[in-house]
Amino acid sequence: MSPVTVVVCSRDGARGIVACLDALEAQELPPAAVVVVDDGSTDATAELAVRHPLRPVVVRHEVNRGLGAARTTGIARVATDLVAFTDDDCRPGPGWLAGLVAALPPDAVAVGGSVHAASTDTAARRYADATRPLAPVEEATTRSSPWARLAGYVRAARRAPIDGAPRPVASLVGASMLVRRSALAAVGGFDPAIRFGGDEEDLCRRLRAEFGPAAVRFAPDVVLHHEFDPHLRDVLRRARAYGRGNARTFRASGSRVPPVRPFPLLLGACLLAGLRWPAALVTGLVAPVLLYPPSRFGGRVPFSYVAAAEDAATFAGFLQGSRR
């Protein structure tokens, strides 16, 4: 198989960087090199990485510059044609790297795998396990027709995530992604101005524009486990960050249909109308259970309201990013 360099981006990742490097050391296809980019950490991330038996190349940003800049720094240290990306809170299984390489056909330039929750010991982690927030962006939610996109959003909101068969997708996630370095160079790599959220979507949009819609592939059988934050507030923080990133991608793409679900507008209208008409308020309070069925979350009704709040946070982030 072709040699691969793995880029691991980290900020204050001392709790997870050793476990991540241990998992990379145990790969069936050993990485040709590992580059750890310490993006302005205030803990011992860099020191722990330097002392690890894998002997990664450790590059440190003196101040935090964001995920897009960290990945750009990592790519500059790559000598192989294939480069894989993951993060300090990820635990790749032994077959992860070999699986990604095997799943990259000659006519594609990028491939990604499934990202599952590593733990389910808190409500936030059980929610991540049920919703798979680091799933790829499907083509159905990027179509130019507003009605086709709405249908894709409705299906995504009402169904539990299913990996399905290998297929082209609109975007991968940086936690589990393999890209040809020549393709990265052809499209200018990651946008260093995107600090967190949406940098992969921006990159994959340019890869698909340059190499065709089948150039970005999803390999569901290649599984990586991600240690999600244990607190529910992180769900909203992540959603808002991705909303800001989506706003930047929306402006760059020239699309006329914003990449956000319309459900928060509907819920907000019901709640505002409820100030005058009590029936509308009742509708707004019940609507999340109808729009985000509890069956999608294993019957957990409160998760329907978390999903509604998550979409609202994404929408708020999109508005914030648009104003910028």
C-alpha atoms as a PDB file:
ATOM      1  CA  MET A   1       0.000   0.000   0.000  1.00  0.00           C
ATOM      2  CA  SER A   2       1.052   3.603  -0.563  1.00  0.00           C
ATOM      3  CA  PRO A   3       2.769   5.277   2.396  1.00  0.00           C
ATOM      4  CA  VAL A   4       0.675   7.693   4.444  1.00  0.00           C
ATOM      5  CA  THR A   5       1.527  10.567   6.783  1.00  0.00           C
ATOM      6  CA  VAL A   6      -0.977  11.218   9.579  1.00  0.00           C
ATOM      7  CA  VAL A   7      -1.569  14.788  10.780  1.00  0.00           C
ATOM      8  CA  VAL A   8      -2.973  15.103  14.311  1.00  0.00           C
ATOM      9  CA  CYS A   9      -4.225  18.543  15.344  1.00  0.00           C
ATOM     10  CA  SER A  10      -4.493  19.335  19.033  1.00  0.00           C
ATOM     11  CA  ARG A  11      -5.250  22.170  21.389  1.00  0.00           C
ATOM     12  CA  ASP A  12      -5.015  21.463  25.113  1.00  0.00           C
ATOM     13  CA  GLY A  13      -5.194  17.775  24.270  1.00  0.00           C
ATOM     14  CA  ALA A  14      -2.978  16.390  27.019  1.00  0.00           C
ATOM     15  CA  ARG A  15      -5.790  14.112  28.216  1.00  0.00           C
ATOM     16  CA  GLY A  16      -6.093  12.366  24.868  1.00  0.00           C
ATOM     17  CA  ILE A  17      -2.944  12.793  22.787  1.00  0.00           C
ATOM     18  CA  VAL A  18      -1.148   9.744  24.229  1.00  0.00           C
ATOM     19  CA  ALA A  19      -4.110   7.433  23.579  1.00  0.00           C
ATOM     20  CA  CYS A  20      -4.409   8.776  20.035  1.00  0.00           C
ATOM     21  CA  LEU A  21      -0.709   8.181  19.334  1.00  0.00           C
ATOM     22  CA  ASP A  22      -0.937   4.719  20.927  1.00  0.00           C
ATOM     23  CA  ALA A  23      -3.731   3.901  18.448  1.00  0.00           C
ATOM     24  CA  LEU A  24      -1.639   5.161  15.531  1.00  0.00           C
ATOM     25  CA  GLU A  25       1.334   3.100  16.709  1.00  0.00           C
ATOM     26  CA  ALA A  26      -0.893  -0.007  16.628  1.00  0.00           C
ATOM     27  CA  GLN A  27      -2.020   0.462  13.005  1.00  0.00           C
ATOM     28  CA  GLU A  28      -1.904  -2.582  10.719  1.00  0.00           C
ATOM     29  CA  LEU A  29      -0.538  -0.193   8.076  1.00  0.00           C
ATOM     30  CA  PRO A  30       2.102   1.762  10.014  1.00  0.00           C
ATOM     31  CA  PRO A  31       2.115   5.478   9.113  1.00  0.00           C
ATOM     32  CA  ALA A  32       5.214   6.620   7.243  1.00  0.00           C
ATOM     33  CA  ALA A  33       5.264   9.608   9.608  1.00  0.00           C
ATOM     34  CA  VAL A  34       3.054  11.322  12.161  1.00  0.00           C
ATOM     35  CA  VAL A  35       2.877  15.101  12.508  1.00  0.00           C
ATOM     36  CA  VAL A  36       1.361  16.558  15.681  1.00  0.00           C
ATOM     37  CA  VAL A  37       0.381  20.213  15.436  1.00  0.00           C
ATOM     38  CA  ASP A  38       0.014  21.770  18.886  1.00  0.00           C
ATOM     39  CA  ASP A  39      -2.191  24.777  18.201  1.00  0.00           C
ATOM     40  CA  GLY A  40      -1.310  27.058  21.098  1.00  0.00           C
ATOM     41  CA  SER A  41      -1.930  24.619  23.950  1.00  0.00           C
ATOM     42  CA  THR A  42      -1.510  25.761  27.550  1.00  0.00           C
ATOM     43  CA  ASP A  43      -1.058  22.214  28.857  1.00  0.00           C
ATOM     44  CA  ALA A  44       1.555  19.489  28.294  1.00  0.00           C
ATOM     45  CA  THR A  45       0.299  18.345  24.868  1.00  0.00           C
ATOM     46  CA  ALA A  46       3.589  19.015  23.044  1.00  0.00           C
ATOM     47  CA  GLU A  47       5.754  17.486  25.780  1.00  0.00           C
ATOM     48  CA  LEU A  48       3.686  14.283  25.875  1.00  0.00           C
ATOM     49  CA  ALA A  49       3.800  13.973  22.082  1.00  0.00           C
ATOM     50  CA  VAL A  50       7.572  14.485  21.948  1.00  0.00           C
ATOM     51  CA  ARG A  51       8.150  11.718  24.515  1.00  0.00           C
ATOM     52  CA  HIS A  52       5.849   9.194  22.817  1.00  0.00           C
ATOM     53  CA  PRO A  53       7.595   6.067  21.388  1.00  0.00           C
ATOM     54  CA  LEU A  54       6.083   6.803  17.965  1.00  0.00           C
ATOM     55  CA  ARG A  55       8.434   9.821  17.765  1.00  0.00           C
ATOM     56  CA  PRO A  56       6.086  12.132  15.857  1.00  0.00           C
ATOM     57  CA  VAL A  57       7.178  15.405  14.342  1.00  0.00           C
ATOM     58  CA  VAL A  58       5.787  18.015  16.743  1.00  0.00           C
ATOM     59  CA  VAL A  59       5.114  21.532  15.480  1.00  0.00           C
ATOM     60  CA  ARG A  60       3.856  24.142  17.908  1.00  0.00           C
ATOM     61  CA  HIS A  61       1.917  27.348  17.311  1.00  0.00           C
ATOM     62  CA  GLU A  62       2.819  29.816  20.041  1.00  0.00           C
ATOM     63  CA  VAL A  63      -0.759  31.130  20.002  1.00  0.00           C
ATOM     64  CA  ASN A  64      -3.975  29.432  18.953  1.00  0.00           C
ATOM     65  CA  ARG A  65      -4.568  29.999  15.243  1.00  0.00           C
ATOM     66  CA  GLY A  66      -7.491  27.661  14.611  1.00  0.00           C
ATOM     67  CA  LEU A  67      -8.040  24.295  13.011  1.00  0.00           C
ATOM     68  CA  GLY A  68      -7.680  25.419   9.394  1.00  0.00           C
ATOM     69  CA  ALA A  69      -4.276  26.938  10.135  1.00  0.00           C
ATOM     70  CA  ALA A  70      -3.186  23.897  12.168  1.00  0.00           C
ATOM     71  CA  ARG A  71      -3.998  21.510   9.329  1.00  0.00           C
ATOM     72  CA  THR A  72      -2.183  23.804   6.893  1.00  0.00           C
ATOM     73  CA  THR A  73       0.906  23.706   9.131  1.00  0.00           C
ATOM     74  CA  GLY A  74       0.720  19.916   9.286  1.00  0.00           C
ATOM     75  CA  ILE A  75       0.456  19.548   5.503  1.00  0.00           C
ATOM     76  CA  ALA A  76       3.626  21.609   5.081  1.00  0.00           C
ATOM     77  CA  ARG A  77       5.536  18.843   6.932  1.00  0.00           C
ATOM     78  CA  VAL A  78       4.151  15.984   4.790  1.00  0.00           C
ATOM     79  CA  ALA A  79       6.390  14.261   2.219  1.00  0.00           C
ATOM     80  CA  THR A  80       4.067  11.397   1.173  1.00  0.00           C
ATOM     81  CA  ASP A  81       1.389  11.713  -1.504  1.00  0.00           C
ATOM     82  CA  LEU A  82      -1.304  10.502   0.895  1.00  0.00           C
ATOM     83  CA  VAL A  83      -2.098  12.416   4.085  1.00  0.00           C
ATOM     84  CA  ALA A  84      -4.622  11.355   6.730  1.00  0.00           C
ATOM     85  CA  PHE A  85      -6.169  13.651   9.331  1.00  0.00           C
ATOM     86  CA  THR A  86      -7.432  12.954  12.830  1.00  0.00           C
ATOM     87  CA  ASP A  87      -7.603  14.717  16.202  1.00  0.00           C
ATOM     88  CA  ASP A  88      -6.281  14.177  19.716  1.00  0.00           C
ATOM     89  CA  ASP A  89      -9.677  12.985  21.001  1.00  0.00           C
ATOM     90  CA  CYS A  90      -9.941  10.231  18.366  1.00  0.00           C
ATOM     91  CA  ARG A  91      -9.120   6.544  18.742  1.00  0.00           C
ATOM     92  CA  PRO A  92      -8.504   4.927  15.323  1.00  0.00           C
ATOM     93  CA  GLY A  93      -8.947   1.173  15.281  1.00  0.00           C
ATOM     94  CA  PRO A  94      -6.012  -0.992  14.072  1.00  0.00           C
ATOM     95  CA  GLY A  95      -7.426  -1.220  10.550  1.00  0.00           C
ATOM     96  CA  TRP A  96      -8.271   2.472  10.189  1.00  0.00           C
ATOM     97  CA  LEU A  97      -5.377   3.647   8.029  1.00  0.00           C
ATOM     98  CA  ALA A  98      -5.264   0.522   5.848  1.00  0.00           C
ATOM     99  CA  GLY A  99      -9.043   0.744   5.418  1.00  0.00           C
ATOM    100  CA  LEU A 100      -8.928   4.339   4.213  1.00  0.00           C
ATOM    101  CA  VAL A 101      -6.150   3.600   1.716  1.00  0.00           C
ATOM    102  CA  ALA A 102      -8.006   0.550   0.378  1.00  0.00           C
ATOM    103  CA  ALA A 103     -11.237   2.572   0.052  1.00  0.00           C
ATOM    104  CA  LEU A 104      -9.655   5.310  -2.095  1.00  0.00           C
ATOM    105  CA  PRO A 105     -10.281   4.428  -5.770  1.00  0.00           C
ATOM    106  CA  PRO A 106      -7.968   5.759  -8.486  1.00  0.00           C
ATOM    107  CA  ASP A 107     -10.547   8.300  -9.674  1.00  0.00           C
ATOM    108  CA  ALA A 108     -11.107   9.809  -6.193  1.00  0.00           C
ATOM    109  CA  VAL A 109      -8.958  12.259  -4.247  1.00  0.00           C
ATOM    110  CA  ALA A 110     -10.427  11.994  -0.731  1.00  0.00           C
ATOM    111  CA  VAL A 111     -12.095   9.359   1.413  1.00  0.00           C
ATOM    112  CA  GLY A 112     -13.434   9.348   4.951  1.00  0.00           C
ATOM    113  CA  GLY A 113     -14.756   6.812   7.418  1.00  0.00           C
ATOM    114  CA  SER A 114     -17.480   6.554  10.061  1.00  0.00           C
ATOM    115  CA  VAL A 115     -16.996   8.348  13.376  1.00  0.00           C
ATOM    116  CA  HIS A 116     -18.721   6.763  16.380  1.00  0.00           C
ATOM    117  CA  ALA A 117     -18.925   7.870  20.003  1.00  0.00           C
ATOM    118  CA  ALA A 118     -16.251   6.232  22.142  1.00  0.00           C
ATOM    119  CA  SER A 119     -18.230   6.616  25.401  1.00  0.00           C
ATOM    120  CA  THR A 120     -21.890   6.844  26.396  1.00  0.00           C
ATOM    121  CA  ASP A 121     -21.481   7.652  30.095  1.00  0.00           C
ATOM    122  CA  THR A 122     -23.165  11.109  29.983  1.00  0.00           C
ATOM    123  CA  ALA A 123     -26.296  12.515  28.334  1.00  0.00           C
ATOM    124  CA  ALA A 124     -24.192  14.512  25.870  1.00  0.00           C
ATOM    125  CA  ARG A 125     -22.256  11.419  24.802  1.00  0.00           C
ATOM    126  CA  ARG A 126     -25.429   9.335  24.500  1.00  0.00           C
ATOM    127  CA  TYR A 127     -26.857  12.084  22.315  1.00  0.00           C
ATOM    128  CA  ALA A 128     -23.728  12.006  20.131  1.00  0.00           C
ATOM    129  CA  ASP A 129     -24.006   8.217  19.920  1.00  0.00           C
ATOM    130  CA  ALA A 130     -27.616   8.559  18.708  1.00  0.00           C
ATOM    131  CA  THR A 131     -27.102  11.421  16.260  1.00  0.00           C
ATOM    132  CA  ARG A 132     -23.544  10.907  14.972  1.00  0.00           C
ATOM    133  CA  PRO A 133     -22.712  14.632  14.610  1.00  0.00           C
ATOM    134  CA  LEU A 134     -19.484  13.820  12.755  1.00  0.00           C
ATOM    135  CA  ALA A 135     -21.209  12.048   9.881  1.00  0.00           C
ATOM    136  CA  PRO A 136     -20.416  13.139   6.316  1.00  0.00           C
ATOM    137  CA  VAL A 137     -22.554  15.769   4.624  1.00  0.00           C
ATOM    138  CA  GLU A 138     -24.736  13.985   2.092  1.00  0.00           C
ATOM    139  CA  GLU A 139     -25.225  15.262  -1.443  1.00  0.00           C
ATOM    140  CA  ALA A 140     -28.995  15.549  -0.875  1.00  0.00           C
ATOM    141  CA  THR A 141     -28.473  18.460   1.539  1.00  0.00           C
ATOM    142  CA  THR A 142     -26.354  20.456  -0.937  1.00  0.00           C
ATOM    143  CA  ARG A 143     -28.626  20.418  -3.971  1.00  0.00           C
ATOM    144  CA  SER A 144     -29.443  23.731  -5.608  1.00  0.00           C
ATOM    145  CA  SER A 145     -33.208  23.133  -5.522  1.00  0.00           C
ATOM    146  CA  PRO A 146     -34.674  24.478  -2.253  1.00  0.00           C
ATOM    147  CA  TRP A 147     -37.317  21.732  -2.209  1.00  0.00           C
ATOM    148  CA  ALA A 148     -34.815  18.926  -2.803  1.00  0.00           C
ATOM    149  CA  ARG A 149     -32.604  20.307  -0.047  1.00  0.00           C
ATOM    150  CA  LEU A 150     -35.559  20.656   2.333  1.00  0.00           C
ATOM    151  CA  ALA A 151     -36.489  17.032   1.690  1.00  0.00           C
ATOM    152  CA  GLY A 152     -32.929  15.998   2.516  1.00  0.00           C
ATOM    153  CA  TYR A 153     -32.999  17.978   5.762  1.00  0.00           C
ATOM    154  CA  VAL A 154     -36.357  16.504   6.790  1.00  0.00           C
ATOM    155  CA  ARG A 155     -35.109  12.953   6.191  1.00  0.00           C
ATOM    156  CA  ALA A 156     -31.946  13.650   8.204  1.00  0.00           C
ATOM    157  CA  ALA A 157     -33.922  15.122  11.114  1.00  0.00           C
ATOM    158  CA  ARG A 158     -36.421  12.259  11.298  1.00  0.00           C
ATOM    159  CA  ARG A 159     -34.222   9.203  10.783  1.00  0.00           C
ATOM    160  CA  ALA A 160     -31.515   7.642  12.887  1.00  0.00           C
ATOM    161  CA  PRO A 161     -28.152   7.771  11.071  1.00  0.00           C
ATOM    162  CA  ILE A 162     -27.434   4.772   8.835  1.00  0.00           C
ATOM    163  CA  ASP A 163     -24.011   4.297   7.310  1.00  0.00           C
ATOM    164  CA  GLY A 164     -25.266   2.482   4.226  1.00  0.00           C
ATOM    165  CA  ALA A 165     -23.012   1.608   1.304  1.00  0.00           C
ATOM    166  CA  PRO A 166     -19.795   3.303   0.110  1.00  0.00           C
ATOM    167  CA  ARG A 167     -20.751   6.365  -1.918  1.00  0.00           C
ATOM    168  CA  PRO A 168     -19.801   9.871  -3.011  1.00  0.00           C
ATOM    169  CA  VAL A 169     -20.672  12.539  -0.455  1.00  0.00           C
ATOM    170  CA  ALA A 170     -20.602  16.317  -0.356  1.00  0.00           C
ATOM    171  CA  SER A 171     -18.177  16.556   2.549  1.00  0.00           C
ATOM    172  CA  LEU A 172     -16.106  14.455   4.940  1.00  0.00           C
ATOM    173  CA  VAL A 173     -15.056  15.172   8.520  1.00  0.00           C
ATOM    174  CA  GLY A 174     -11.490  16.009   9.483  1.00  0.00           C
ATOM    175  CA  ALA A 175     -11.491  13.520  12.357  1.00  0.00           C
ATOM    176  CA  SER A 176     -11.260  10.642   9.856  1.00  0.00           C
ATOM    177  CA  MET A 177     -10.149  11.684   6.391  1.00  0.00           C
ATOM    178  CA  LEU A 178      -7.521  10.702   3.817  1.00  0.00           C
ATOM    179  CA  VAL A 179      -6.607  13.088   0.955  1.00  0.00           C
ATOM    180  CA  ARG A 180      -4.116  13.058  -1.896  1.00  0.00           C
ATOM    181  CA  ARG A 181      -1.546  15.775  -1.206  1.00  0.00           C
ATOM    182  CA  SER A 182      -1.458  16.683  -4.895  1.00  0.00           C
ATOM    183  CA  ALA A 183      -5.201  17.374  -4.754  1.00  0.00           C
ATOM    184  CA  LEU A 184      -4.753  19.550  -1.664  1.00  0.00           C
ATOM    185  CA  ALA A 185      -2.142  21.576  -3.526  1.00  0.00           C
ATOM    186  CA  ALA A 186      -4.392  21.902  -6.582  1.00  0.00           C
ATOM    187  CA  VAL A 187      -7.204  23.568  -4.607  1.00  0.00           C
ATOM    188  CA  GLY A 188      -5.080  25.540  -2.132  1.00  0.00           C
ATOM    189  CA  GLY A 189      -5.527  23.284   0.904  1.00  0.00           C
ATOM    190  CA  PHE A 190      -7.552  24.227   3.973  1.00  0.00           C
ATOM    191  CA  ASP A 191      -8.681  27.798   4.539  1.00  0.00           C
ATOM    192  CA  PRO A 192      -6.614  29.014   7.544  1.00  0.00           C
ATOM    193  CA  ALA A 193      -9.242  31.677   8.243  1.00  0.00           C
ATOM    194  CA  ILE A 194     -11.753  28.998   9.371  1.00  0.00           C
ATOM    195  CA  ARG A 195     -10.830  28.523  12.996  1.00  0.00           C
ATOM    196  CA  PHE A 196     -13.256  25.705  13.807  1.00  0.00           C
ATOM    197  CA  GLY A 197     -16.265  24.183  12.100  1.00  0.00           C
ATOM    198  CA  GLY A 198     -16.800  23.891   8.364  1.00  0.00           C
ATOM    199  CA  ASP A 199     -13.166  23.788   7.215  1.00  0.00           C
ATOM    200  CA  GLU A 200     -13.681  20.256   5.823  1.00  0.00           C
ATOM    201  CA  GLU A 201     -16.870  21.296   4.016  1.00  0.00           C
ATOM    202  CA  ASP A 202     -15.071  24.220   2.411  1.00  0.00           C
ATOM    203  CA  LEU A 203     -12.197  21.975   1.298  1.00  0.00           C
ATOM    204  CA  CYS A 204     -14.460  19.228  -0.052  1.00  0.00           C
ATOM    205  CA  ARG A 205     -16.539  21.784  -1.965  1.00  0.00           C
ATOM    206  CA  ARG A 206     -13.382  22.891  -3.798  1.00  0.00           C
ATOM    207  CA  LEU A 207     -12.188  19.304  -4.326  1.00  0.00           C
ATOM    208  CA  ARG A 208     -15.511  18.366  -5.922  1.00  0.00           C
ATOM    209  CA  ALA A 209     -15.479  21.472  -8.086  1.00  0.00           C
ATOM    210  CA  GLU A 210     -11.961  20.659  -9.299  1.00  0.00           C
ATOM    211  CA  PHE A 211     -12.132  16.865  -9.649  1.00  0.00           C
ATOM    212  CA  GLY A 212     -15.849  16.070  -9.986  1.00  0.00           C
ATOM    213  CA  PRO A 213     -18.658  15.017  -7.600  1.00  0.00           C
ATOM    214  CA  ALA A 214     -17.374  11.425  -7.343  1.00  0.00           C
ATOM    215  CA  ALA A 215     -13.936  12.568  -6.127  1.00  0.00           C
ATOM    216  CA  VAL A 216     -14.964  12.652  -2.436  1.00  0.00           C
ATOM    217  CA  ARG A 217     -15.955   9.233  -1.063  1.00  0.00           C
ATOM    218  CA  PHE A 218     -17.381   7.831   2.169  1.00  0.00           C
ATOM    219  CA  ALA A 219     -16.283   4.379   3.375  1.00  0.00           C
ATOM    220  CA  PRO A 220     -18.720   3.440   6.199  1.00  0.00           C
ATOM    221  CA  ASP A 221     -16.892   0.237   7.133  1.00  0.00           C
ATOM    222  CA  VAL A 222     -13.787   2.185   8.216  1.00  0.00           C
ATOM    223  CA  VAL A 223     -14.664   3.081  11.812  1.00  0.00           C
ATOM    224  CA  LEU A 224     -12.975   5.492  14.208  1.00  0.00           C
ATOM    225  CA  HIS A 225     -14.128   6.292  17.767  1.00  0.00           C
ATOM    226  CA  HIS A 226     -14.299   9.855  19.014  1.00  0.00           C
ATOM    227  CA  GLU A 227     -14.291  10.904  22.678  1.00  0.00           C
ATOM    228  CA  PHE A 228     -16.984  13.599  22.672  1.00  0.00           C
ATOM    229  CA  ASP A 229     -17.132  16.286  25.335  1.00  0.00           C
ATOM    230  CA  PRO A 230     -19.201  15.051  28.307  1.00  0.00           C
ATOM    231  CA  HIS A 231     -21.287  18.242  28.632  1.00  0.00           C
ATOM    232  CA  LEU A 232     -24.423  19.158  26.688  1.00  0.00           C
ATOM    233  CA  ARG A 233     -23.258  22.753  26.323  1.00  0.00           C
ATOM    234  CA  ASP A 234     -20.549  21.504  23.980  1.00  0.00           C
ATOM    235  CA  VAL A 235     -23.257  20.273  21.598  1.00  0.00           C
ATOM    236  CA  LEU A 236     -24.436  23.866  21.189  1.00  0.00           C
ATOM    237  CA  ARG A 237     -20.886  25.250  21.018  1.00  0.00           C
ATOM    238  CA  ARG A 238     -19.984  22.864  18.216  1.00  0.00           C
ATOM    239  CA  ALA A 239     -23.225  23.566  16.346  1.00  0.00           C
ATOM    240  CA  ARG A 240     -22.706  27.320  16.531  1.00  0.00           C
ATOM    241  CA  ALA A 241     -19.128  26.990  15.292  1.00  0.00           C
ATOM    242  CA  TYR A 242     -20.217  24.896  12.321  1.00  0.00           C
ATOM    243  CA  GLY A 243     -22.902  27.459  11.570  1.00  0.00           C
ATOM    244  CA  ARG A 244     -20.246  30.174  11.354  1.00  0.00           C
ATOM    245  CA  GLY A 245     -18.130  27.980   9.089  1.00  0.00           C
ATOM    246  CA  ASN A 246     -21.147  27.216   6.901  1.00  0.00           C
ATOM    247  CA  ALA A 247     -21.718  30.935   6.404  1.00  0.00           C
ATOM    248  CA  ARG A 248     -18.217  31.345   5.017  1.00  0.00           C
ATOM    249  CA  THR A 249     -18.637  28.350   2.706  1.00  0.00           C
ATOM    250  CA  PHE A 250     -22.044  29.660   1.583  1.00  0.00           C
ATOM    251  CA  ARG A 251     -20.548  32.991   0.546  1.00  0.00           C
ATOM    252  CA  ALA A 252     -17.648  31.314  -1.256  1.00  0.00           C
ATOM    253  CA  SER A 253     -19.838  28.815  -3.132  1.00  0.00           C
ATOM    254  CA  GLY A 254     -22.205  31.365  -4.643  1.00  0.00           C
ATOM    255  CA  SER A 255     -25.198  29.184  -3.718  1.00  0.00           C
ATOM    256  CA  ARG A 256     -28.593  30.840  -3.363  1.00  0.00           C
ATOM    257  CA  VAL A 257     -29.885  28.376  -0.760  1.00  0.00           C
ATOM    258  CA  PRO A 258     -28.421  28.774   2.758  1.00  0.00           C
ATOM    259  CA  PRO A 259     -27.090  25.471   4.223  1.00  0.00           C
ATOM    260  CA  VAL A 260     -29.241  25.610   7.362  1.00  0.00           C
ATOM    261  CA  ARG A 261     -32.405  23.797   8.389  1.00  0.00           C
ATOM    262  CA  PRO A 262     -35.539  25.960   8.427  1.00  0.00           C
ATOM    263  CA  PHE A 263     -36.965  24.283  11.546  1.00  0.00           C
ATOM    264  CA  PRO A 264     -35.618  26.912  14.009  1.00  0.00           C
ATOM    265  CA  LEU A 265     -37.524  29.614  12.098  1.00  0.00           C
ATOM    266  CA  LEU A 266     -40.738  27.606  12.392  1.00  0.00           C
ATOM    267  CA  LEU A 267     -40.241  26.961  16.104  1.00  0.00           C
ATOM    268  CA  GLY A 268     -39.289  30.578  16.780  1.00  0.00           C
ATOM    269  CA  ALA A 269     -42.386  31.837  14.931  1.00  0.00           C
ATOM    270  CA  CYS A 270     -44.622  29.569  17.007  1.00  0.00           C
ATOM    271  CA  LEU A 271     -43.065  30.719  20.280  1.00  0.00           C
ATOM    272  CA  LEU A 272     -43.323  34.393  19.319  1.00  0.00           C
ATOM    273  CA  ALA A 273     -46.930  33.949  18.225  1.00  0.00           C
ATOM    274  CA  GLY A 274     -47.562  32.296  21.563  1.00  0.00           C
ATOM    275  CA  LEU A 275     -47.103  35.650  23.267  1.00  0.00           C
ATOM    276  CA  ARG A 276     -50.491  36.529  21.806  1.00  0.00           C
ATOM    277  CA  TRP A 277     -52.131  33.186  21.015  1.00  0.00           C
ATOM    278  CA  PRO A 278     -51.657  30.425  23.632  1.00  0.00           C
ATOM    279  CA  ALA A 279     -52.422  27.724  21.076  1.00  0.00           C
ATOM    280  CA  ALA A 280     -49.369  28.760  19.062  1.00  0.00           C
ATOM    281  CA  LEU A 281     -47.223  28.518  22.188  1.00  0.00           C
ATOM    282  CA  VAL A 282     -48.439  24.978  22.816  1.00  0.00           C
ATOM    283  CA  THR A 283     -47.660  24.121  19.192  1.00  0.00           C
ATOM    284  CA  GLY A 284     -44.144  25.519  19.565  1.00  0.00           C
ATOM    285  CA  LEU A 285     -43.527  23.483  22.714  1.00  0.00           C
ATOM    286  CA  VAL A 286     -44.776  20.244  21.164  1.00  0.00           C
ATOM    287  CA  ALA A 287     -43.281  20.756  17.679  1.00  0.00           C
ATOM    288  CA  PRO A 288     -39.738  19.497  18.518  1.00  0.00           C
ATOM    289  CA  VAL A 289     -41.144  16.052  19.307  1.00  0.00           C
ATOM    290  CA  LEU A 290     -42.881  16.035  15.912  1.00  0.00           C
ATOM    291  CA  LEU A 291     -39.975  17.428  13.896  1.00  0.00           C
ATOM    292  CA  TYR A 292     -37.330  15.329  15.665  1.00  0.00           C
ATOM    293  CA  PRO A 293     -39.108  12.059  16.589  1.00  0.00           C
ATOM    294  CA  PRO A 294     -37.897  10.435  19.827  1.00  0.00           C
ATOM    295  CA  SER A 295     -37.651   7.130  17.948  1.00  0.00           C
ATOM    296  CA  ARG A 296     -34.569   8.573  16.265  1.00  0.00           C
ATOM    297  CA  PHE A 297     -32.921   8.791  19.697  1.00  0.00           C
ATOM    298  CA  GLY A 298     -33.929   5.405  21.044  1.00  0.00           C
ATOM    299  CA  GLY A 299     -37.136   6.785  22.524  1.00  0.00           C
ATOM    300  CA  ARG A 300     -35.473   9.581  24.527  1.00  0.00           C
ATOM    301  CA  VAL A 301     -37.960  12.482  24.349  1.00  0.00           C
ATOM    302  CA  PRO A 302     -35.583  15.095  25.884  1.00  0.00           C
ATOM    303  CA  PHE A 303     -33.167  14.511  22.987  1.00  0.00           C
ATOM    304  CA  SER A 304     -35.812  15.909  20.611  1.00  0.00           C
ATOM    305  CA  TYR A 305     -35.463  19.244  22.406  1.00  0.00           C
ATOM    306  CA  VAL A 306     -31.656  18.998  22.372  1.00  0.00           C
ATOM    307  CA  ALA A 307     -31.828  18.456  18.588  1.00  0.00           C
ATOM    308  CA  ALA A 308     -34.048  21.532  18.211  1.00  0.00           C
ATOM    309  CA  ALA A 309     -31.611  23.594  20.313  1.00  0.00           C
ATOM    310  CA  GLU A 310     -28.697  22.245  18.255  1.00  0.00           C
ATOM    311  CA  ASP A 311     -30.322  23.342  14.992  1.00  0.00           C
ATOM    312  CA  ALA A 312     -31.113  26.732  16.522  1.00  0.00           C
ATOM    313  CA  ALA A 313     -27.458  27.132  17.567  1.00  0.00           C
ATOM    314  CA  THR A 314     -26.338  26.267  14.024  1.00  0.00           C
ATOM    315  CA  PHE A 315     -28.746  28.851  12.660  1.00  0.00           C
ATOM    316  CA  ALA A 316     -27.478  31.462  15.130  1.00  0.00           C
ATOM    317  CA  GLY A 317     -23.890  30.693  14.146  1.00  0.00           C
ATOM    318  CA  PHE A 318     -24.798  31.052  10.477  1.00  0.00           C
ATOM    319  CA  LEU A 319     -26.307  34.481  11.129  1.00  0.00           C
ATOM    320  CA  GLN A 320     -23.248  35.514  13.130  1.00  0.00           C
ATOM    321  CA  GLY A 321     -20.915  34.322  10.386  1.00  0.00           C
ATOM    322  CA  SER A 322     -22.983  36.104   7.742  1.00  0.00           C
ATOM    323  CA  ARG A 323     -22.702  39.424   9.599  1.00  0.00           C
ATOM    324  CA  ARG A 324     -18.937  39.010   9.675  1.00  0.00           C
END
